[in-house]
Amino acid sequence: MNNLINIIARLSDIMGRMEDRAKEQYNTTGLSLTQMHYLETIGHLNNPSLTELSAALNLSKPTVTVAIDKLIEKGCVYKVRSDNDRRSTHLHLTENGRLLNQMHDFAHQSIAELFTKNLSHKETEQLIEIIDKAIR
C-alpha cells in the first residue's frame, strides 16, 4: 500500500507542476482549478443552463451562480437568455474562456502522454481499464 501512496503522491506532484506551468504559459494565474473545471464543464455541455451545470457538477444552483458571476467578471463566460423560456439563461464561453478551456484540455493531454509514453498499446489499454475501475 505504501508503494501506491508514493505513486499517487508523485502523480499529484507531476500534475500540479504541469498545471502550474500551463497556467503561467497561458496567463491563467487569476483562475483557480475549480474555475477551470467550470469552464471545462460548460464547454463539454455545450452552453448549458445554470440548472444543467449545477446538476453536472453536483452542486447547488446558488453555489454555481456565485461562481459563474465571478467567471463573468473575469471575462470567461457570458449568459444568453433562452429563446424558448425567457426565465432561463444559457452559459457560453467567451473567446478567452474557450482559449483557457483549450489550454486546460492540452494540459490533460500532456499528462496522459507523459503517463503512457513508455507503455505499449496493450499496456495503455490496461492502464485505462484499471484507472477507470478504481475511480468508479
Protein backbone atom coordinates (compact mmCIF):
# COMPACT_ATOMS: atom_id res chain seq x y z
CA MET A 1 0.00 0.00 0.00
CA ASN A 2 2.90 2.40 0.70
CA ASN A 3 4.07 1.99 -2.91
CA LEU A 4 0.65 3.05 -4.16
CA ILE A 5 0.59 6.05 -1.82
CA ASN A 6 4.05 7.09 -3.04
CA ILE A 7 2.99 6.74 -6.69
CA ILE A 8 -0.16 8.78 -6.08
CA ALA A 9 1.90 11.49 -4.37
CA ARG A 10 4.34 11.58 -7.32
CA LEU A 11 1.48 11.71 -9.83
CA SER A 12 -0.17 14.52 -7.90
CA ASP A 13 3.11 16.45 -7.82
CA ILE A 14 3.69 15.98 -11.56
CA MET A 15 0.14 17.00 -12.44
CA GLY A 16 0.34 20.05 -10.18
CA ARG A 17 3.61 21.19 -11.76
CA MET A 18 2.21 20.69 -15.27
CA GLU A 19 -0.93 22.66 -14.40
CA ASP A 20 1.19 25.45 -12.86
CA ARG A 21 3.41 25.58 -15.95
CA ALA A 22 0.37 25.74 -18.23
CA LYS A 23 -1.25 28.45 -16.08
CA GLU A 24 1.90 30.58 -16.34
CA GLN A 25 2.31 29.94 -20.08
CA TYR A 26 -1.27 30.92 -20.86
CA ASN A 27 -1.50 33.60 -18.16
CA THR A 28 -4.36 31.95 -16.25
CA THR A 29 -2.94 32.73 -12.83
CA GLY A 30 -6.15 34.59 -11.95
CA LEU A 31 -8.25 31.41 -12.18
CA SER A 32 -8.44 28.57 -9.69
CA LEU A 33 -8.54 24.91 -10.71
CA THR A 34 -12.19 24.89 -9.65
CA GLN A 35 -12.92 27.76 -12.03
CA MET A 36 -11.06 25.91 -14.79
CA HIS A 37 -13.26 22.89 -14.07
CA TYR A 38 -16.36 25.07 -14.51
CA LEU A 39 -15.08 26.24 -17.91
CA GLU A 40 -14.32 22.67 -18.90
CA THR A 41 -17.81 21.51 -17.91
CA ILE A 42 -19.52 24.40 -19.71
CA GLY A 43 -17.54 23.53 -22.83
CA HIS A 44 -18.40 19.83 -22.63
CA LEU A 45 -22.10 20.52 -22.00
CA ASN A 46 -22.23 22.96 -24.93
CA ASN A 47 -23.86 26.07 -23.47
CA PRO A 48 -25.80 24.61 -20.53
CA SER A 49 -28.37 26.35 -18.38
CA LEU A 50 -27.42 27.06 -14.75
CA THR A 51 -29.61 24.13 -13.72
CA GLU A 52 -27.84 21.76 -16.13
CA LEU A 53 -24.43 22.95 -14.97
CA SER A 54 -25.43 22.58 -11.30
CA ALA A 55 -26.58 19.01 -11.94
CA ALA A 56 -23.41 18.12 -13.85
CA LEU A 57 -21.19 19.50 -11.08
CA ASN A 58 -23.41 18.06 -8.35
CA LEU A 59 -23.58 21.48 -6.67
CA SER A 60 -26.43 23.72 -5.60
CA LYS A 61 -27.71 26.32 -8.03
CA PRO A 62 -26.81 29.24 -5.69
CA THR A 63 -23.22 27.96 -5.39
CA VAL A 64 -22.90 27.69 -9.17
CA THR A 65 -24.49 31.13 -9.66
CA VAL A 66 -21.86 32.78 -7.44
CA ALA A 67 -19.04 31.01 -9.27
CA ILE A 68 -20.46 31.90 -12.69
CA ASP A 69 -20.82 35.55 -11.70
CA LYS A 70 -17.08 35.58 -10.87
CA LEU A 71 -16.25 33.96 -14.23
CA ILE A 72 -18.38 36.60 -15.97
CA GLU A 73 -16.40 39.33 -14.14
CA LYS A 74 -13.17 37.69 -15.32
CA GLY A 75 -14.40 37.74 -18.92
CA CYS A 76 -14.56 33.96 -19.35
CA VAL A 77 -18.32 33.35 -19.53
CA TYR A 78 -21.43 35.21 -20.64
CA LYS A 79 -25.14 34.47 -20.33
CA VAL A 80 -27.69 34.34 -23.14
CA ARG A 81 -31.40 34.37 -22.38
CA SER A 82 -33.20 31.35 -23.83
CA ASP A 83 -35.44 31.96 -26.84
CA ASN A 84 -37.82 29.24 -25.64
CA ASP A 85 -38.05 30.22 -21.97
CA ARG A 86 -37.23 33.85 -21.15
CA ARG A 87 -36.73 32.88 -17.48
CA SER A 88 -33.84 30.61 -18.40
CA THR A 89 -30.31 31.60 -19.41
CA HIS A 90 -27.61 29.56 -21.08
CA LEU A 91 -23.92 29.86 -20.35
CA HIS A 92 -21.43 30.45 -23.15
CA LEU A 93 -17.66 30.64 -23.08
CA THR A 94 -16.13 33.88 -24.30
CA GLU A 95 -13.19 33.70 -26.69
CA ASN A 96 -10.93 33.95 -23.64
CA GLY A 97 -12.92 31.20 -21.90
CA ARG A 98 -12.58 28.94 -24.95
CA LEU A 99 -8.83 29.58 -25.10
CA LEU A 100 -8.45 28.76 -21.41
CA ASN A 101 -10.54 25.62 -21.85
CA GLN A 102 -8.36 24.52 -24.78
CA MET A 103 -5.27 25.11 -22.64
CA HIS A 104 -6.78 23.00 -19.87
CA ASP A 105 -7.56 20.20 -22.35
CA PHE A 106 -4.00 20.43 -23.66
CA ALA A 107 -2.65 20.08 -20.11
CA HIS A 108 -4.75 16.93 -19.64
CA GLN A 109 -3.49 15.57 -22.96
CA SER A 110 0.12 16.28 -21.95
CA ILE A 111 -0.38 14.44 -18.67
CA ALA A 112 -1.91 11.45 -20.48
CA GLU A 113 1.02 11.38 -22.92
CA LEU A 114 3.50 11.56 -20.05
CA PHE A 115 1.85 8.62 -18.31
CA THR A 116 1.69 6.45 -21.42
CA LYS A 117 4.84 7.34 -23.35
CA ASN A 118 6.73 4.25 -22.14
CA LEU A 119 3.76 1.87 -22.41
CA SER A 120 2.73 -0.37 -25.27
CA HIS A 121 -0.74 -0.02 -26.75
CA LYS A 122 -1.88 -3.04 -24.74
CA GLU A 123 -0.42 -1.65 -21.51
CA THR A 124 -2.10 1.70 -22.17
CA GLU A 125 -5.46 -0.03 -22.60
CA GLN A 126 -4.87 -1.97 -19.37
CA LEU A 127 -3.96 1.23 -17.53
CA ILE A 128 -7.17 2.87 -18.74
CA GLU A 129 -9.24 -0.11 -17.59
CA ILE A 130 -7.58 -0.22 -14.17
CA ILE A 131 -7.89 3.51 -13.51
CA ASP A 132 -11.50 3.54 -14.73
CA LYS A 133 -12.32 0.62 -12.44
CA ALA A 134 -10.55 2.23 -9.48
CA ILE A 135 -12.41 5.54 -9.71
CA ARG A 136 -15.93 4.18 -10.11
